[in-house]
Amino acid sequence: MPFVISAMRSKQTVSFRLDTATEVLAKFYKLYEQNFLHVKISNEHGKRLSVDDVVRLAALQKGGAVMPRGPKGEERPADVIGNAVKVIKIATGEERDDYGKTPNRAKGGRKGGKRRAAKLTPQERSEIARAAAAARWKKG
């Protein structure tokens, strides 16, 4: 299935006709690296395709799974092209990067750390610091 990819940068417009979805993804990534905006991907009939559609087609053309997951089931794809597309979609604002509960945990950890430090006696803080220093020296 032939694809058409077009992009704009300032007053410069470029357009490419490519045969495979993998070529489209590679060209999409190159255009992104060259600061082209307003990248449009469409099929031979002029129907606009999302990046997700092209990723699925590329995976199917290669005979693989639609969206592979990482070894621990993480959201980011394990393959290079899929991960590049995910990064591009996050950078262009098409998709939000989901950190899960991590930001809230870090915020709570800072609060909890201050409260814990306030409750510790100077001797307890000294013991903790001594153990931490010993661990750092042991690594080196």
N, C-alpha and C. Protein backbone atom coordinates (compact mmCIF):
# COMPACT_ATOMS: atom_id res chain seq x y z
N MET A 1 0.84 -1.17 0.00
CA MET A 1 0.00 0.00 0.00
C MET A 1 0.89 1.24 0.00
N PRO A 2 0.83 2.06 -1.02
CA PRO A 2 1.66 3.28 -1.05
C PRO A 2 1.15 4.32 -0.05
N PHE A 3 2.09 5.06 0.51
CA PHE A 3 1.80 6.12 1.46
C PHE A 3 2.34 7.43 0.93
N VAL A 4 1.73 8.52 1.38
CA VAL A 4 2.23 9.86 1.08
C VAL A 4 2.46 10.55 2.41
N ILE A 5 3.64 11.09 2.60
CA ILE A 5 3.95 11.82 3.81
C ILE A 5 4.38 13.23 3.41
N SER A 6 3.75 14.22 4.02
CA SER A 6 4.10 15.61 3.71
C SER A 6 4.33 16.35 5.02
N ALA A 7 5.21 17.36 4.97
CA ALA A 7 5.55 18.11 6.18
C ALA A 7 5.89 19.55 5.81
N MET A 8 5.74 20.44 6.80
CA MET A 8 6.03 21.85 6.60
C MET A 8 7.04 22.33 7.63
N ARG A 9 7.92 23.25 7.19
CA ARG A 9 8.84 23.93 8.10
C ARG A 9 8.97 25.35 7.56
N SER A 10 8.57 26.33 8.34
CA SER A 10 8.53 27.72 7.89
C SER A 10 7.71 27.79 6.61
N LYS A 11 8.35 28.18 5.52
CA LYS A 11 7.64 28.25 4.24
C LYS A 11 8.00 27.10 3.32
N GLN A 12 8.74 26.13 3.84
CA GLN A 12 9.20 24.99 3.05
C GLN A 12 8.25 23.81 3.25
N THR A 13 7.79 23.24 2.15
CA THR A 13 6.92 22.07 2.20
C THR A 13 7.59 20.93 1.43
N VAL A 14 7.59 19.74 2.02
CA VAL A 14 8.15 18.57 1.35
C VAL A 14 7.10 17.46 1.32
N SER A 15 7.21 16.60 0.33
CA SER A 15 6.27 15.50 0.20
C SER A 15 7.01 14.28 -0.36
N PHE A 16 6.67 13.10 0.17
CA PHE A 16 7.33 11.86 -0.25
C PHE A 16 6.27 10.80 -0.50
N ARG A 17 6.52 9.95 -1.46
CA ARG A 17 5.68 8.78 -1.72
C ARG A 17 6.50 7.55 -1.37
N LEU A 18 6.03 6.78 -0.41
CA LEU A 18 6.77 5.62 0.09
C LEU A 18 5.89 4.37 -0.01
N ASP A 19 6.54 3.22 -0.11
CA ASP A 19 5.81 1.97 -0.34
C ASP A 19 5.46 1.20 0.93
N THR A 20 6.30 1.25 1.95
CA THR A 20 6.04 0.45 3.15
C THR A 20 5.85 1.34 4.37
N ALA A 21 5.14 0.81 5.36
CA ALA A 21 4.90 1.55 6.59
C ALA A 21 6.20 1.78 7.36
N THR A 22 7.13 0.85 7.27
CA THR A 22 8.42 1.01 7.94
C THR A 22 9.18 2.19 7.36
N GLU A 23 9.14 2.35 6.05
CA GLU A 23 9.79 3.50 5.42
C GLU A 23 9.13 4.81 5.86
N VAL A 24 7.81 4.77 6.01
CA VAL A 24 7.08 5.97 6.47
C VAL A 24 7.52 6.35 7.87
N LEU A 25 7.63 5.37 8.77
CA LEU A 25 8.05 5.66 10.13
C LEU A 25 9.47 6.22 10.16
N ALA A 26 10.36 5.64 9.37
CA ALA A 26 11.75 6.13 9.32
C ALA A 26 11.78 7.57 8.80
N LYS A 27 11.01 7.87 7.76
CA LYS A 27 10.97 9.21 7.20
C LYS A 27 10.34 10.19 8.20
N PHE A 28 9.29 9.74 8.88
CA PHE A 28 8.64 10.56 9.91
C PHE A 28 9.64 10.97 10.98
N TYR A 29 10.44 10.00 11.44
CA TYR A 29 11.44 10.27 12.46
C TYR A 29 12.50 11.25 11.94
N LYS A 30 12.95 11.08 10.69
CA LYS A 30 13.94 11.99 10.10
C LYS A 30 13.39 13.40 10.00
N LEU A 31 12.14 13.53 9.57
CA LEU A 31 11.52 14.86 9.46
C LEU A 31 11.41 15.52 10.84
N TYR A 32 11.09 14.72 11.83
CA TYR A 32 11.01 15.24 13.19
C TYR A 32 12.38 15.74 13.65
N GLU A 33 13.43 14.98 13.36
CA GLU A 33 14.79 15.41 13.72
C GLU A 33 15.18 16.71 13.03
N GLN A 34 14.64 16.95 11.83
CA GLN A 34 14.96 18.16 11.06
C GLN A 34 14.01 19.30 11.38
N ASN A 35 13.24 19.19 12.47
CA ASN A 35 12.32 20.23 12.96
C ASN A 35 11.18 20.55 12.00
N PHE A 36 10.73 19.57 11.24
CA PHE A 36 9.54 19.77 10.41
C PHE A 36 8.31 19.60 11.30
N LEU A 37 7.35 20.46 11.10
CA LEU A 37 6.10 20.38 11.85
C LEU A 37 4.97 20.04 10.90
N HIS A 38 3.80 19.81 11.43
CA HIS A 38 2.61 19.54 10.63
C HIS A 38 2.86 18.40 9.65
N VAL A 39 3.35 17.29 10.18
CA VAL A 39 3.59 16.11 9.34
C VAL A 39 2.26 15.40 9.13
N LYS A 40 1.94 15.13 7.89
CA LYS A 40 0.68 14.47 7.54
C LYS A 40 1.00 13.18 6.80
N ILE A 41 0.42 12.09 7.25
CA ILE A 41 0.59 10.80 6.60
C ILE A 41 -0.78 10.39 6.04
N SER A 42 -0.80 9.99 4.79
CA SER A 42 -2.06 9.54 4.20
C SER A 42 -1.80 8.35 3.29
N ASN A 43 -2.87 7.61 3.01
CA ASN A 43 -2.73 6.47 2.10
C ASN A 43 -2.90 6.96 0.67
N GLU A 44 -2.87 6.05 -0.28
CA GLU A 44 -2.93 6.42 -1.70
C GLU A 44 -4.26 7.08 -2.09
N HIS A 45 -5.30 6.88 -1.28
CA HIS A 45 -6.62 7.46 -1.58
C HIS A 45 -6.82 8.80 -0.89
N GLY A 46 -5.81 9.26 -0.15
CA GLY A 46 -5.91 10.56 0.52
C GLY A 46 -6.45 10.49 1.93
N LYS A 47 -6.76 9.30 2.44
CA LYS A 47 -7.25 9.16 3.81
C LYS A 47 -6.10 9.37 4.78
N ARG A 48 -6.29 10.29 5.70
CA ARG A 48 -5.23 10.60 6.67
C ARG A 48 -5.08 9.46 7.67
N LEU A 49 -3.83 9.12 7.98
CA LEU A 49 -3.53 8.04 8.92
C LEU A 49 -2.81 8.59 10.13
N SER A 50 -3.12 8.05 11.29
CA SER A 50 -2.41 8.44 12.50
C SER A 50 -1.10 7.65 12.58
N VAL A 51 -0.23 8.07 13.46
CA VAL A 51 1.03 7.35 13.65
C VAL A 51 0.75 5.94 14.16
N ASP A 52 -0.28 5.80 15.00
CA ASP A 52 -0.65 4.47 15.51
C ASP A 52 -1.02 3.53 14.36
N ASP A 53 -1.78 4.06 13.40
CA ASP A 53 -2.16 3.24 12.26
C ASP A 53 -0.93 2.74 11.49
N VAL A 54 0.02 3.64 11.29
CA VAL A 54 1.23 3.28 10.53
C VAL A 54 2.07 2.28 11.31
N VAL A 55 2.15 2.46 12.64
CA VAL A 55 2.91 1.50 13.47
C VAL A 55 2.28 0.12 13.36
N ARG A 56 0.96 0.07 13.44
CA ARG A 56 0.27 -1.23 13.32
C ARG A 56 0.53 -1.86 11.96
N LEU A 57 0.44 -1.05 10.92
CA LEU A 57 0.69 -1.58 9.58
C LEU A 57 2.13 -2.07 9.43
N ALA A 58 3.08 -1.32 9.99
CA ALA A 58 4.48 -1.74 9.91
C ALA A 58 4.69 -3.07 10.62
N ALA A 59 4.07 -3.22 11.80
CA ALA A 59 4.20 -4.47 12.54
C ALA A 59 3.56 -5.62 11.77
N LEU A 60 2.41 -5.37 11.18
CA LEU A 60 1.75 -6.43 10.42
C LEU A 60 2.52 -6.78 9.15
N GLN A 61 3.13 -5.78 8.51
CA GLN A 61 3.92 -6.05 7.31
C GLN A 61 5.14 -6.90 7.63
N LYS A 62 5.67 -6.72 8.85
CA LYS A 62 6.82 -7.52 9.26
C LYS A 62 6.40 -8.88 9.82
N GLY A 63 5.09 -9.08 9.96
CA GLY A 63 4.59 -10.35 10.48
C GLY A 63 4.68 -10.46 11.98
N GLY A 64 4.75 -9.33 12.68
CA GLY A 64 4.89 -9.33 14.13
C GLY A 64 3.61 -8.95 14.83
N ALA A 65 3.74 -8.73 16.12
CA ALA A 65 2.61 -8.30 16.94
C ALA A 65 2.29 -6.84 16.65
N VAL A 66 1.10 -6.44 17.01
CA VAL A 66 0.68 -5.07 16.72
C VAL A 66 1.47 -4.07 17.55
N MET A 67 1.49 -4.18 18.85
CA MET A 67 2.28 -3.28 19.69
C MET A 67 2.98 -4.11 20.75
N PRO A 68 4.24 -4.41 20.56
CA PRO A 68 4.94 -5.21 21.55
C PRO A 68 5.13 -4.44 22.85
N ARG A 69 5.15 -5.15 23.92
CA ARG A 69 5.40 -4.54 25.23
C ARG A 69 6.81 -4.90 25.66
N GLY A 70 7.30 -4.15 26.64
CA GLY A 70 8.64 -4.40 27.16
C GLY A 70 8.67 -5.70 27.94
N PRO A 71 9.84 -6.13 28.38
CA PRO A 71 9.96 -7.41 29.08
C PRO A 71 9.21 -7.45 30.40
N LYS A 72 8.95 -6.30 31.01
CA LYS A 72 8.23 -6.27 32.27
C LYS A 72 6.80 -5.78 32.09
N GLY A 73 6.32 -5.74 30.84
CA GLY A 73 4.95 -5.32 30.57
C GLY A 73 4.77 -3.82 30.53
N GLU A 74 5.86 -3.06 30.42
CA GLU A 74 5.76 -1.61 30.41
C GLU A 74 5.11 -1.10 29.13
N GLU A 75 4.60 0.12 29.21
CA GLU A 75 3.86 0.70 28.10
C GLU A 75 4.75 1.01 26.89
N ARG A 76 6.00 1.40 27.12
CA ARG A 76 6.87 1.75 26.00
C ARG A 76 7.17 0.50 25.19
N PRO A 77 7.08 0.59 23.88
CA PRO A 77 7.37 -0.57 23.03
C PRO A 77 8.82 -1.01 23.13
N ALA A 78 9.03 -2.30 22.93
CA ALA A 78 10.38 -2.85 23.04
C ALA A 78 11.19 -2.65 21.76
N ASP A 79 10.51 -2.52 20.62
CA ASP A 79 11.25 -2.37 19.37
C ASP A 79 11.64 -0.91 19.14
N VAL A 80 12.68 -0.70 18.39
CA VAL A 80 13.26 0.63 18.19
C VAL A 80 12.29 1.57 17.48
N ILE A 81 11.65 1.10 16.44
CA ILE A 81 10.75 1.97 15.67
C ILE A 81 9.54 2.35 16.52
N GLY A 82 8.97 1.38 17.19
CA GLY A 82 7.82 1.67 18.04
C GLY A 82 8.15 2.65 19.14
N ASN A 83 9.32 2.50 19.75
CA ASN A 83 9.74 3.42 20.81
C ASN A 83 10.00 4.81 20.23
N ALA A 84 10.59 4.88 19.04
CA ALA A 84 10.84 6.19 18.41
C ALA A 84 9.52 6.90 18.13
N VAL A 85 8.55 6.15 17.66
CA VAL A 85 7.24 6.75 17.38
C VAL A 85 6.59 7.23 18.67
N LYS A 86 6.71 6.45 19.73
CA LYS A 86 6.15 6.85 21.03
C LYS A 86 6.79 8.15 21.51
N VAL A 87 8.11 8.25 21.39
CA VAL A 87 8.82 9.46 21.80
C VAL A 87 8.37 10.65 20.95
N ILE A 88 8.21 10.44 19.66
CA ILE A 88 7.77 11.51 18.76
C ILE A 88 6.37 11.97 19.13
N LYS A 89 5.49 11.02 19.41
CA LYS A 89 4.12 11.38 19.77
C LYS A 89 4.08 12.17 21.07
N ILE A 90 4.95 11.83 22.01
CA ILE A 90 5.02 12.58 23.26
C ILE A 90 5.56 13.98 23.00
N ALA A 91 6.61 14.07 22.17
CA ALA A 91 7.23 15.37 21.88
C ALA A 91 6.30 16.30 21.11
N THR A 92 5.47 15.75 20.23
CA THR A 92 4.57 16.58 19.45
C THR A 92 3.26 16.86 20.17
N GLY A 93 3.07 16.27 21.33
CA GLY A 93 1.87 16.51 22.11
C GLY A 93 0.69 15.65 21.71
N GLU A 94 0.89 14.71 20.81
CA GLU A 94 -0.19 13.82 20.37
C GLU A 94 -0.56 12.85 21.49
N GLU A 95 0.39 12.59 22.37
CA GLU A 95 0.17 11.66 23.47
C GLU A 95 0.90 12.18 24.70
N ARG A 96 0.35 11.92 25.88
CA ARG A 96 1.00 12.37 27.10
C ARG A 96 1.85 11.25 27.66
N ASP A 97 2.99 11.62 28.23
CA ASP A 97 3.86 10.63 28.86
C ASP A 97 3.29 10.34 30.23
N ASP A 98 2.95 9.11 30.48
CA ASP A 98 2.33 8.74 31.75
C ASP A 98 3.40 8.19 32.68
N TYR A 99 3.65 8.91 33.74
CA TYR A 99 4.63 8.47 34.72
C TYR A 99 3.99 7.63 35.81
N GLY A 100 2.70 7.40 35.73
CA GLY A 100 2.02 6.63 36.76
C GLY A 100 1.96 7.40 38.06
N LYS A 101 2.24 6.73 39.16
CA LYS A 101 2.17 7.37 40.47
C LYS A 101 3.51 7.92 40.92
N THR A 102 4.52 7.85 40.08
CA THR A 102 5.87 8.26 40.48
C THR A 102 5.95 9.69 40.99
N PRO A 103 5.40 10.71 40.29
CA PRO A 103 5.51 12.07 40.82
C PRO A 103 4.88 12.22 42.20
N ASN A 104 3.73 11.59 42.40
CA ASN A 104 3.09 11.67 43.71
C ASN A 104 3.90 10.97 44.79
N ARG A 105 4.52 9.88 44.42
CA ARG A 105 5.35 9.16 45.39
C ARG A 105 6.55 10.01 45.79
N ALA A 106 7.16 10.65 44.81
CA ALA A 106 8.32 11.49 45.13
C ALA A 106 7.91 12.65 46.02
N LYS A 107 6.76 13.24 45.74
CA LYS A 107 6.26 14.35 46.55
C LYS A 107 6.01 13.88 47.99
N GLY A 108 5.37 12.72 48.11
CA GLY A 108 5.11 12.17 49.44
C GLY A 108 6.40 11.79 50.15
N GLY A 109 7.39 11.29 49.40
CA GLY A 109 8.67 10.92 50.00
C GLY A 109 9.40 12.12 50.59
N ARG A 110 9.31 13.26 49.90
CA ARG A 110 9.95 14.47 50.43
C ARG A 110 9.28 14.91 51.72
N LYS A 111 7.96 14.85 51.74
CA LYS A 111 7.22 15.23 52.95
C LYS A 111 7.58 14.28 54.10
N GLY A 112 7.53 12.98 53.79
CA GLY A 112 7.81 11.98 54.81
C GLY A 112 9.23 12.06 55.33
N GLY A 113 10.17 12.37 54.43
CA GLY A 113 11.57 12.49 54.84
C GLY A 113 11.78 13.62 55.83
N LYS A 114 11.12 14.75 55.59
CA LYS A 114 11.24 15.89 56.51
C LYS A 114 10.64 15.55 57.86
N ARG A 115 9.49 14.90 57.85
CA ARG A 115 8.84 14.52 59.11
C ARG A 115 9.68 13.51 59.89
N ARG A 116 10.25 12.56 59.16
CA ARG A 116 11.08 11.56 59.81
C ARG A 116 12.31 12.20 60.42
N ALA A 117 12.95 13.11 59.66
CA ALA A 117 14.14 13.80 60.18
C ALA A 117 13.82 14.62 61.43
N ALA A 118 12.64 15.20 61.45
CA ALA A 118 12.26 16.00 62.62
C ALA A 118 12.07 15.12 63.85
N LYS A 119 11.64 13.89 63.67
CA LYS A 119 11.40 13.00 64.80
C LYS A 119 12.66 12.31 65.31
N LEU A 120 13.70 12.20 64.47
CA LEU A 120 14.92 11.49 64.88
C LEU A 120 15.73 12.31 65.86
N THR A 121 16.38 11.60 66.78
CA THR A 121 17.30 12.27 67.69
C THR A 121 18.62 12.50 66.96
N PRO A 122 19.45 13.41 67.44
CA PRO A 122 20.75 13.63 66.79
C PRO A 122 21.59 12.36 66.72
N GLN A 123 21.52 11.51 67.74
CA GLN A 123 22.29 10.27 67.74
C GLN A 123 21.80 9.32 66.63
N GLU A 124 20.47 9.22 66.45
CA GLU A 124 19.92 8.35 65.40
C GLU A 124 20.31 8.87 64.02
N ARG A 125 20.26 10.19 63.83
CA ARG A 125 20.66 10.77 62.53
C ARG A 125 22.13 10.48 62.26
N SER A 126 22.96 10.54 63.29
CA SER A 126 24.38 10.27 63.14
C SER A 126 24.62 8.81 62.74
N GLU A 127 23.89 7.89 63.34
CA GLU A 127 24.03 6.46 63.00
C GLU A 127 23.62 6.21 61.55
N ILE A 128 22.54 6.82 61.13
CA ILE A 128 22.07 6.65 59.75
C ILE A 128 23.10 7.20 58.77
N ALA A 129 23.65 8.37 59.08
CA ALA A 129 24.65 9.00 58.21
C ALA A 129 25.91 8.14 58.15
N ARG A 130 26.30 7.56 59.28
CA ARG A 130 27.49 6.70 59.32
C ARG A 130 27.28 5.45 58.45
N ALA A 131 26.10 4.85 58.55
CA ALA A 131 25.80 3.67 57.74
C ALA A 131 25.78 4.02 56.24
N ALA A 132 25.23 5.18 55.91
CA ALA A 132 25.19 5.61 54.50
C ALA A 132 26.60 5.85 53.97
N ALA A 133 27.45 6.49 54.76
CA ALA A 133 28.83 6.74 54.34
C ALA A 133 29.58 5.42 54.14
N ALA A 134 29.37 4.47 55.05
CA ALA A 134 30.03 3.16 54.94
C ALA A 134 29.58 2.47 53.65
N ALA A 135 28.30 2.57 53.33
CA ALA A 135 27.78 1.95 52.09
C ALA A 135 28.40 2.60 50.86
N ARG A 136 28.55 3.93 50.90
CA ARG A 136 29.15 4.62 49.75
C ARG A 136 30.62 4.22 49.58
N TRP A 137 31.34 4.11 50.67
CA TRP A 137 32.76 3.73 50.58
C TRP A 137 32.91 2.29 50.15
N LYS A 138 31.96 1.46 50.53
CA LYS A 138 32.01 0.04 50.17
C LYS A 138 31.84 -0.13 48.65
N LYS A 139 30.99 0.71 48.01
CA LYS A 139 30.77 0.64 46.56
C LYS A 139 32.04 1.02 45.80
N GLY A 140 32.75 2.02 46.29
CA GLY A 140 33.92 2.55 45.57
C GLY A 140 35.13 1.71 45.70
